Amino acid sequence: MGNKIFIILHTRRMFCNNPDCSHTTFAERFDFIADKAKKTKRLEDEIIHLSINCSSNVASKILKKNVEDVSKSTICNLLKKRNTYC
């Protein structure tokens, strides 16, 4: 596991002046994080990998100690989202 870090992103916001366009604003997107996500794809992969190899409770304790405060319910939600069961 890696070190605990915080990523602060400053995204560019673009505006559309076309009256026929259904979107008035557009935000810059990044490959390493999903839209409106709070965790990077790499962190989600690490959480899934760890929780598949041990219980959600143990994975939560390991992640809180080393990486990030992740609750058991968050782990279960990630597993359900990826069609892996808790």
PDB file of N, CA and C in Angstrom:
ATOM      1  N   MET A   1       0.837  -1.179   0.000  1.00  0.00           N
ATOM      2  CA  MET A   1       0.000   0.000   0.000  1.00  0.00           C
ATOM      3  C   MET A   1       0.884   1.245   0.000  1.00  0.00           C
ATOM      4  N   GLY A   2       0.337   2.280  -0.586  1.00  0.00           N
ATOM      5  CA  GLY A   2       1.082   3.531  -0.687  1.00  0.00           C
ATOM      6  C   GLY A   2       0.866   4.431   0.511  1.00  0.00           C
ATOM      7  N   ASN A   3       1.342   5.633   0.375  1.00  0.00           N
ATOM      8  CA  ASN A   3       1.200   6.621   1.437  1.00  0.00           C
ATOM      9  C   ASN A   3      -0.131   7.346   1.323  1.00  0.00           C
ATOM     10  N   LYS A   4      -0.580   7.900   2.440  1.00  0.00           N
ATOM     11  CA  LYS A   4      -1.816   8.665   2.454  1.00  0.00           C
ATOM     12  C   LYS A   4      -1.534  10.055   1.892  1.00  0.00           C
ATOM     13  N   ILE A   5      -2.295  10.437   0.867  1.00  0.00           N
ATOM     14  CA  ILE A   5      -2.129  11.760   0.271  1.00  0.00           C
ATOM     15  C   ILE A   5      -3.502  12.378   0.022  1.00  0.00           C
ATOM     16  N   PHE A   6      -3.523  13.676  -0.182  1.00  0.00           N
ATOM     17  CA  PHE A   6      -4.729  14.392  -0.554  1.00  0.00           C
ATOM     18  C   PHE A   6      -4.484  15.033  -1.906  1.00  0.00           C
ATOM     19  N   ILE A   7      -5.462  14.943  -2.775  1.00  0.00           N
ATOM     20  CA  ILE A   7      -5.362  15.546  -4.097  1.00  0.00           C
ATOM     21  C   ILE A   7      -6.325  16.731  -4.141  1.00  0.00           C
ATOM     22  N   ILE A   8      -5.793  17.881  -4.455  1.00  0.00           N
ATOM     23  CA  ILE A   8      -6.618  19.077  -4.605  1.00  0.00           C
ATOM     24  C   ILE A   8      -6.625  19.429  -6.084  1.00  0.00           C
ATOM     25  N   LEU A   9      -7.801  19.352  -6.696  1.00  0.00           N
ATOM     26  CA  LEU A   9      -7.930  19.616  -8.119  1.00  0.00           C
ATOM     27  C   LEU A   9      -8.583  20.976  -8.351  1.00  0.00           C
ATOM     28  N   HIS A  10      -8.030  21.699  -9.264  1.00  0.00           N
ATOM     29  CA  HIS A  10      -8.640  22.943  -9.721  1.00  0.00           C
ATOM     30  C   HIS A  10      -9.060  22.694 -11.163  1.00  0.00           C
ATOM     31  N   THR A  11     -10.349  22.531 -11.376  1.00  0.00           N
ATOM     32  CA  THR A  11     -10.840  22.223 -12.707  1.00  0.00           C
ATOM     33  C   THR A  11     -11.244  23.495 -13.433  1.00  0.00           C
ATOM     34  N   ARG A  12     -11.106  23.431 -14.731  1.00  0.00           N
ATOM     35  CA  ARG A  12     -11.554  24.543 -15.558  1.00  0.00           C
ATOM     36  C   ARG A  12     -13.039  24.370 -15.838  1.00  0.00           C
ATOM     37  N   ARG A  13     -13.761  25.460 -15.852  1.00  0.00           N
ATOM     38  CA  ARG A  13     -15.174  25.440 -16.158  1.00  0.00           C
ATOM     39  C   ARG A  13     -15.390  26.256 -17.427  1.00  0.00           C
ATOM     40  N   MET A  14     -16.064  25.628 -18.407  1.00  0.00           N
ATOM     41  CA  MET A  14     -16.338  26.293 -19.668  1.00  0.00           C
ATOM     42  C   MET A  14     -17.835  26.569 -19.778  1.00  0.00           C
ATOM     43  N   PHE A  15     -18.166  27.618 -20.492  1.00  0.00           N
ATOM     44  CA  PHE A  15     -19.558  28.030 -20.662  1.00  0.00           C
ATOM     45  C   PHE A  15     -19.945  27.976 -22.129  1.00  0.00           C
ATOM     46  N   CYS A  16     -21.187  27.581 -22.387  1.00  0.00           N
ATOM     47  CA  CYS A  16     -21.696  27.508 -23.755  1.00  0.00           C
ATOM     48  C   CYS A  16     -22.680  28.658 -23.959  1.00  0.00           C
ATOM     49  N   ASN A  17     -22.439  29.466 -24.967  1.00  0.00           N
ATOM     50  CA  ASN A  17     -23.306  30.609 -25.258  1.00  0.00           C
ATOM     51  C   ASN A  17     -24.368  30.288 -26.299  1.00  0.00           C
ATOM     52  N   ASN A  18     -24.376  29.068 -26.809  1.00  0.00           N
ATOM     53  CA  ASN A  18     -25.345  28.668 -27.813  1.00  0.00           C
ATOM     54  C   ASN A  18     -26.706  28.466 -27.144  1.00  0.00           C
ATOM     55  N   PRO A  19     -27.737  29.195 -27.534  1.00  0.00           N
ATOM     56  CA  PRO A  19     -29.050  29.048 -26.891  1.00  0.00           C
ATOM     57  C   PRO A  19     -29.715  27.703 -27.185  1.00  0.00           C
ATOM     58  N   ASP A  20     -29.285  27.004 -28.251  1.00  0.00           N
ATOM     59  CA  ASP A  20     -29.859  25.701 -28.584  1.00  0.00           C
ATOM     60  C   ASP A  20     -29.219  24.551 -27.819  1.00  0.00           C
ATOM     61  N   CYS A  21     -28.131  24.815 -27.127  1.00  0.00           N
ATOM     62  CA  CYS A  21     -27.417  23.781 -26.383  1.00  0.00           C
ATOM     63  C   CYS A  21     -28.135  23.497 -25.064  1.00  0.00           C
ATOM     64  N   SER A  22     -28.265  22.232 -24.718  1.00  0.00           N
ATOM     65  CA  SER A  22     -28.953  21.857 -23.475  1.00  0.00           C
ATOM     66  C   SER A  22     -28.065  22.031 -22.244  1.00  0.00           C
ATOM     67  N   HIS A  23     -26.758  22.141 -22.446  1.00  0.00           N
ATOM     68  CA  HIS A  23     -25.828  22.321 -21.327  1.00  0.00           C
ATOM     69  C   HIS A  23     -25.303  23.753 -21.363  1.00  0.00           C
ATOM     70  N   THR A  24     -25.327  24.406 -20.226  1.00  0.00           N
ATOM     71  CA  THR A  24     -24.810  25.777 -20.189  1.00  0.00           C
ATOM     72  C   THR A  24     -23.376  25.829 -19.681  1.00  0.00           C
ATOM     73  N   THR A  25     -23.000  24.864 -18.851  1.00  0.00           N
ATOM     74  CA  THR A  25     -21.627  24.825 -18.343  1.00  0.00           C
ATOM     75  C   THR A  25     -21.039  23.439 -18.531  1.00  0.00           C
ATOM     76  N   PHE A  26     -19.733  23.398 -18.677  1.00  0.00           N
ATOM     77  CA  PHE A  26     -18.991  22.147 -18.819  1.00  0.00           C
ATOM     78  C   PHE A  26     -17.802  22.207 -17.888  1.00  0.00           C
ATOM     79  N   ALA A  27     -17.499  21.091 -17.229  1.00  0.00           N
ATOM     80  CA  ALA A  27     -16.344  21.033 -16.339  1.00  0.00           C
ATOM     81  C   ALA A  27     -15.300  20.097 -16.938  1.00  0.00           C
ATOM     82  N   GLU A  28     -14.056  20.399 -16.654  1.00  0.00           N
ATOM     83  CA  GLU A  28     -12.949  19.561 -17.111  1.00  0.00           C
ATOM     84  C   GLU A  28     -13.038  18.193 -16.438  1.00  0.00           C
ATOM     85  N   ARG A  29     -12.744  17.130 -17.184  1.00  0.00           N
ATOM     86  CA  ARG A  29     -12.792  15.774 -16.649  1.00  0.00           C
ATOM     87  C   ARG A  29     -11.389  15.183 -16.599  1.00  0.00           C
ATOM     88  N   PHE A  30     -11.219  14.231 -15.679  1.00  0.00           N
ATOM     89  CA  PHE A  30      -9.926  13.578 -15.490  1.00  0.00           C
ATOM     90  C   PHE A  30     -10.092  12.072 -15.637  1.00  0.00           C
ATOM     91  N   ASP A  31      -9.052  11.401 -16.144  1.00  0.00           N
ATOM     92  CA  ASP A  31      -9.104   9.955 -16.373  1.00  0.00           C
ATOM     93  C   ASP A  31      -9.043   9.141 -15.086  1.00  0.00           C
ATOM     94  N   PHE A  32      -8.392   9.657 -14.066  1.00  0.00           N
ATOM     95  CA  PHE A  32      -8.145   8.862 -12.865  1.00  0.00           C
ATOM     96  C   PHE A  32      -9.264   8.940 -11.836  1.00  0.00           C
ATOM     97  N   ILE A  33     -10.298   9.734 -12.094  1.00  0.00           N
ATOM     98  CA  ILE A  33     -11.408   9.856 -11.147  1.00  0.00           C
ATOM     99  C   ILE A  33     -12.717   9.941 -11.931  1.00  0.00           C
ATOM    100  N   ALA A  34     -13.724   9.228 -11.452  1.00  0.00           N
ATOM    101  CA  ALA A  34     -15.029   9.242 -12.114  1.00  0.00           C
ATOM    102  C   ALA A  34     -15.747  10.558 -11.819  1.00  0.00           C
ATOM    103  N   ASP A  35     -16.763  10.860 -12.610  1.00  0.00           N
ATOM    104  CA  ASP A  35     -17.541  12.073 -12.389  1.00  0.00           C
ATOM    105  C   ASP A  35     -18.172  12.061 -10.998  1.00  0.00           C
ATOM    106  N   LYS A  36     -18.036  13.154 -10.281  1.00  0.00           N
ATOM    107  CA  LYS A  36     -18.606  13.358  -8.940  1.00  0.00           C
ATOM    108  C   LYS A  36     -18.112  12.348  -7.910  1.00  0.00           C
ATOM    109  N   ALA A  37     -16.983  11.722  -8.154  1.00  0.00           N
ATOM    110  CA  ALA A  37     -16.433  10.735  -7.221  1.00  0.00           C
ATOM    111  C   ALA A  37     -15.560  11.420  -6.173  1.00  0.00           C
ATOM    112  N   LYS A  38     -15.437  10.786  -5.037  1.00  0.00           N
ATOM    113  CA  LYS A  38     -14.584  11.294  -3.967  1.00  0.00           C
ATOM    114  C   LYS A  38     -13.328  10.449  -3.798  1.00  0.00           C
ATOM    115  N   LYS A  39     -13.281   9.321  -4.508  1.00  0.00           N
ATOM    116  CA  LYS A  39     -12.124   8.435  -4.444  1.00  0.00           C
ATOM    117  C   LYS A  39     -11.603   8.203  -5.864  1.00  0.00           C
ATOM    118  N   THR A  40     -10.293   8.097  -5.989  1.00  0.00           N
ATOM    119  CA  THR A  40      -9.721   7.804  -7.299  1.00  0.00           C
ATOM    120  C   THR A  40     -10.017   6.352  -7.668  1.00  0.00           C
ATOM    121  N   LYS A  41      -9.922   6.053  -8.942  1.00  0.00           N
ATOM    122  CA  LYS A  41     -10.146   4.683  -9.397  1.00  0.00           C
ATOM    123  C   LYS A  41      -9.109   3.746  -8.799  1.00  0.00           C
ATOM    124  N   ARG A  42      -7.886   4.237  -8.646  1.00  0.00           N
ATOM    125  CA  ARG A  42      -6.816   3.418  -8.057  1.00  0.00           C
ATOM    126  C   ARG A  42      -7.128   3.072  -6.604  1.00  0.00           C
ATOM    127  N   LEU A  43      -7.648   4.035  -5.835  1.00  0.00           N
ATOM    128  CA  LEU A  43      -8.011   3.760  -4.450  1.00  0.00           C
ATOM    129  C   LEU A  43      -9.183   2.783  -4.389  1.00  0.00           C
ATOM    130  N   GLU A  44     -10.169   2.945  -5.251  1.00  0.00           N
ATOM    131  CA  GLU A  44     -11.287   2.001  -5.280  1.00  0.00           C
ATOM    132  C   GLU A  44     -10.801   0.599  -5.607  1.00  0.00           C
ATOM    133  N   ASP A  45      -9.869   0.484  -6.550  1.00  0.00           N
ATOM    134  CA  ASP A  45      -9.304  -0.833  -6.887  1.00  0.00           C
ATOM    135  C   ASP A  45      -8.590  -1.444  -5.689  1.00  0.00           C
ATOM    136  N   GLU A  46      -7.856  -0.637  -4.946  1.00  0.00           N
ATOM    137  CA  GLU A  46      -7.142  -1.119  -3.753  1.00  0.00           C
ATOM    138  C   GLU A  46      -8.125  -1.584  -2.681  1.00  0.00           C
ATOM    139  N   ILE A  47      -9.202  -0.830  -2.490  1.00  0.00           N
ATOM    140  CA  ILE A  47     -10.221  -1.208  -1.507  1.00  0.00           C
ATOM    141  C   ILE A  47     -10.863  -2.534  -1.902  1.00  0.00           C
ATOM    142  N   ILE A  48     -11.225  -2.682  -3.172  1.00  0.00           N
ATOM    143  CA  ILE A  48     -11.840  -3.917  -3.655  1.00  0.00           C
ATOM    144  C   ILE A  48     -10.882  -5.093  -3.497  1.00  0.00           C
ATOM    145  N   HIS A  49      -9.629  -4.906  -3.905  1.00  0.00           N
ATOM    146  CA  HIS A  49      -8.635  -5.982  -3.810  1.00  0.00           C
ATOM    147  C   HIS A  49      -8.458  -6.451  -2.370  1.00  0.00           C
ATOM    148  N   LEU A  50      -8.366  -5.508  -1.454  1.00  0.00           N
ATOM    149  CA  LEU A  50      -8.177  -5.854  -0.049  1.00  0.00           C
ATOM    150  C   LEU A  50      -9.416  -6.526   0.529  1.00  0.00           C
ATOM    151  N   SER A  51     -10.594  -6.015   0.194  1.00  0.00           N
ATOM    152  CA  SER A  51     -11.820  -6.560   0.784  1.00  0.00           C
ATOM    153  C   SER A  51     -12.192  -7.922   0.208  1.00  0.00           C
ATOM    154  N   ILE A  52     -11.717  -8.247  -0.983  1.00  0.00           N
ATOM    155  CA  ILE A  52     -11.967  -9.584  -1.540  1.00  0.00           C
ATOM    156  C   ILE A  52     -11.139 -10.621  -0.785  1.00  0.00           C
ATOM    157  N   ASN A  53      -9.953 -10.221  -0.341  1.00  0.00           N
ATOM    158  CA  ASN A  53      -9.048 -11.154   0.333  1.00  0.00           C
ATOM    159  C   ASN A  53      -9.286 -11.285   1.832  1.00  0.00           C
ATOM    160  N   CYS A  54     -10.093 -10.402   2.413  1.00  0.00           N
ATOM    161  CA  CYS A  54     -10.433 -10.515   3.833  1.00  0.00           C
ATOM    162  C   CYS A  54     -11.828  -9.929   4.046  1.00  0.00           C
ATOM    163  N   SER A  55     -12.337 -10.010   5.248  1.00  0.00           N
ATOM    164  CA  SER A  55     -13.685  -9.514   5.514  1.00  0.00           C
ATOM    165  C   SER A  55     -13.739  -7.987   5.428  1.00  0.00           C
ATOM    166  N   SER A  56     -14.931  -7.451   5.295  1.00  0.00           N
ATOM    167  CA  SER A  56     -15.101  -5.997   5.200  1.00  0.00           C
ATOM    168  C   SER A  56     -14.675  -5.291   6.484  1.00  0.00           C
ATOM    169  N   ASN A  57     -14.914  -5.937   7.623  1.00  0.00           N
ATOM    170  CA  ASN A  57     -14.503  -5.340   8.901  1.00  0.00           C
ATOM    171  C   ASN A  57     -12.985  -5.236   9.003  1.00  0.00           C
ATOM    172  N   VAL A  58     -12.300  -6.302   8.650  1.00  0.00           N
ATOM    173  CA  VAL A  58     -10.833  -6.309   8.710  1.00  0.00           C
ATOM    174  C   VAL A  58     -10.269  -5.342   7.675  1.00  0.00           C
ATOM    175  N   ALA A  59     -10.839  -5.341   6.478  1.00  0.00           N
ATOM    176  CA  ALA A  59     -10.380  -4.416   5.432  1.00  0.00           C
ATOM    177  C   ALA A  59     -10.554  -2.977   5.877  1.00  0.00           C
ATOM    178  N   SER A  60     -11.673  -2.669   6.523  1.00  0.00           N
ATOM    179  CA  SER A  60     -11.922  -1.319   7.016  1.00  0.00           C
ATOM    180  C   SER A  60     -10.874  -0.902   8.043  1.00  0.00           C
ATOM    181  N   LYS A  61     -10.529  -1.803   8.955  1.00  0.00           N
ATOM    182  CA  LYS A  61      -9.517  -1.492   9.974  1.00  0.00           C
ATOM    183  C   LYS A  61      -8.145  -1.266   9.347  1.00  0.00           C
ATOM    184  N   ILE A  62      -7.780  -2.109   8.388  1.00  0.00           N
ATOM    185  CA  ILE A  62      -6.478  -1.962   7.717  1.00  0.00           C
ATOM    186  C   ILE A  62      -6.423  -0.646   6.953  1.00  0.00           C
ATOM    187  N   LEU A  63      -7.491  -0.336   6.228  1.00  0.00           N
ATOM    188  CA  LEU A  63      -7.522   0.898   5.442  1.00  0.00           C
ATOM    189  C   LEU A  63      -7.509   2.137   6.329  1.00  0.00           C
ATOM    190  N   LYS A  64      -8.228   2.103   7.450  1.00  0.00           N
ATOM    191  CA  LYS A  64      -8.230   3.254   8.375  1.00  0.00           C
ATOM    192  C   LYS A  64      -6.846   3.490   8.956  1.00  0.00           C
ATOM    193  N   LYS A  65      -6.122   2.414   9.200  1.00  0.00           N
ATOM    194  CA  LYS A  65      -4.787   2.535   9.792  1.00  0.00           C
ATOM    195  C   LYS A  65      -3.756   3.031   8.777  1.00  0.00           C
ATOM    196  N   ASN A  66      -3.865   2.580   7.529  1.00  0.00           N
ATOM    197  CA  ASN A  66      -2.815   2.846   6.556  1.00  0.00           C
ATOM    198  C   ASN A  66      -3.166   3.850   5.460  1.00  0.00           C
ATOM    199  N   VAL A  67      -4.398   3.853   5.010  1.00  0.00           N
ATOM    200  CA  VAL A  67      -4.698   4.602   3.795  1.00  0.00           C
ATOM    201  C   VAL A  67      -5.734   5.693   4.021  1.00  0.00           C
ATOM    202  N   GLU A  68      -6.970   5.311   4.281  1.00  0.00           N
ATOM    203  CA  GLU A  68      -8.057   6.267   4.372  1.00  0.00           C
ATOM    204  C   GLU A  68      -9.143   5.717   5.274  1.00  0.00           C
ATOM    205  N   ASP A  69      -9.918   6.615   5.874  1.00  0.00           N
ATOM    206  CA  ASP A  69     -11.052   6.190   6.686  1.00  0.00           C
ATOM    207  C   ASP A  69     -12.159   5.683   5.777  1.00  0.00           C
ATOM    208  N   VAL A  70     -12.275   4.372   5.694  1.00  0.00           N
ATOM    209  CA  VAL A  70     -13.285   3.738   4.847  1.00  0.00           C
ATOM    210  C   VAL A  70     -14.118   2.837   5.740  1.00  0.00           C
ATOM    211  N   SER A  71     -15.420   3.062   5.733  1.00  0.00           N
ATOM    212  CA  SER A  71     -16.297   2.252   6.578  1.00  0.00           C
ATOM    213  C   SER A  71     -16.667   0.949   5.894  1.00  0.00           C
ATOM    214  N   LYS A  72     -17.218   0.037   6.678  1.00  0.00           N
ATOM    215  CA  LYS A  72     -17.652  -1.256   6.146  1.00  0.00           C
ATOM    216  C   LYS A  72     -18.740  -1.056   5.102  1.00  0.00           C
ATOM    217  N   SER A  73     -19.648  -0.119   5.328  1.00  0.00           N
ATOM    218  CA  SER A  73     -20.736   0.113   4.372  1.00  0.00           C
ATOM    219  C   SER A  73     -20.205   0.658   3.049  1.00  0.00           C
ATOM    220  N   THR A  74     -19.169   1.480   3.097  1.00  0.00           N
ATOM    221  CA  THR A  74     -18.554   1.980   1.864  1.00  0.00           C
ATOM    222  C   THR A  74     -17.939   0.837   1.078  1.00  0.00           C
ATOM    223  N   ILE A  75     -17.276  -0.057   1.780  1.00  0.00           N
ATOM    224  CA  ILE A  75     -16.673  -1.223   1.130  1.00  0.00           C
ATOM    225  C   ILE A  75     -17.760  -2.085   0.489  1.00  0.00           C
ATOM    226  N   CYS A  76     -18.847  -2.328   1.219  1.00  0.00           N
ATOM    227  CA  CYS A  76     -19.946  -3.132   0.670  1.00  0.00           C
ATOM    228  C   CYS A  76     -20.574  -2.455  -0.541  1.00  0.00           C
ATOM    229  N   ASN A  77     -20.718  -1.140  -0.505  1.00  0.00           N
ATOM    230  CA  ASN A  77     -21.278  -0.418  -1.656  1.00  0.00           C
ATOM    231  C   ASN A  77     -20.373  -0.535  -2.879  1.00  0.00           C
ATOM    232  N   LEU A  78     -19.066  -0.451  -2.676  1.00  0.00           N
ATOM    233  CA  LEU A  78     -18.132  -0.619  -3.794  1.00  0.00           C
ATOM    234  C   LEU A  78     -18.194  -2.032  -4.359  1.00  0.00           C
ATOM    235  N   LEU A  79     -18.308  -3.017  -3.479  1.00  0.00           N
ATOM    236  CA  LEU A  79     -18.405  -4.400  -3.925  1.00  0.00           C
ATOM    237  C   LEU A  79     -19.697  -4.630  -4.713  1.00  0.00           C
ATOM    238  N   LYS A  80     -20.788  -4.057  -4.260  1.00  0.00           N
ATOM    239  CA  LYS A  80     -22.061  -4.189  -4.971  1.00  0.00           C
ATOM    240  C   LYS A  80     -22.006  -3.487  -6.319  1.00  0.00           C
ATOM    241  N   LYS A  81     -21.352  -2.324  -6.360  1.00  0.00           N
ATOM    242  CA  LYS A  81     -21.253  -1.581  -7.604  1.00  0.00           C
ATOM    243  C   LYS A  81     -20.457  -2.358  -8.654  1.00  0.00           C
ATOM    244  N   ARG A  82     -19.503  -3.158  -8.200  1.00  0.00           N
ATOM    245  CA  ARG A  82     -18.690  -3.953  -9.121  1.00  0.00           C
ATOM    246  C   ARG A  82     -19.156  -5.396  -9.247  1.00  0.00           C
ATOM    247  N   ASN A  83     -20.376  -5.665  -8.769  1.00  0.00           N
ATOM    248  CA  ASN A  83     -20.992  -7.002  -8.851  1.00  0.00           C
ATOM    249  C   ASN A  83     -20.185  -8.064  -8.112  1.00  0.00           C
ATOM    250  N   THR A  84     -19.550  -7.674  -7.022  1.00  0.00           N
ATOM    251  CA  THR A  84     -18.881  -8.601  -6.111  1.00  0.00           C
ATOM    252  C   THR A  84     -19.633  -8.470  -4.801  1.00  0.00           C
ATOM    253  N   TYR A  85     -19.924  -9.564  -4.130  1.00  0.00           N
ATOM    254  CA  TYR A  85     -20.795  -9.496  -2.971  1.00  0.00           C
ATOM    255  C   TYR A  85     -20.023  -9.380  -1.672  1.00  0.00           C
ATOM    256  N   CYS A  86     -20.636  -8.677  -0.735  1.00  0.00           N
ATOM    257  CA  CYS A  86     -20.062  -8.401   0.578  1.00  0.00           C
ATOM    258  C   CYS A  86     -20.265  -9.578   1.506  1.00  0.00           C
TER     259      CYS A  86
END
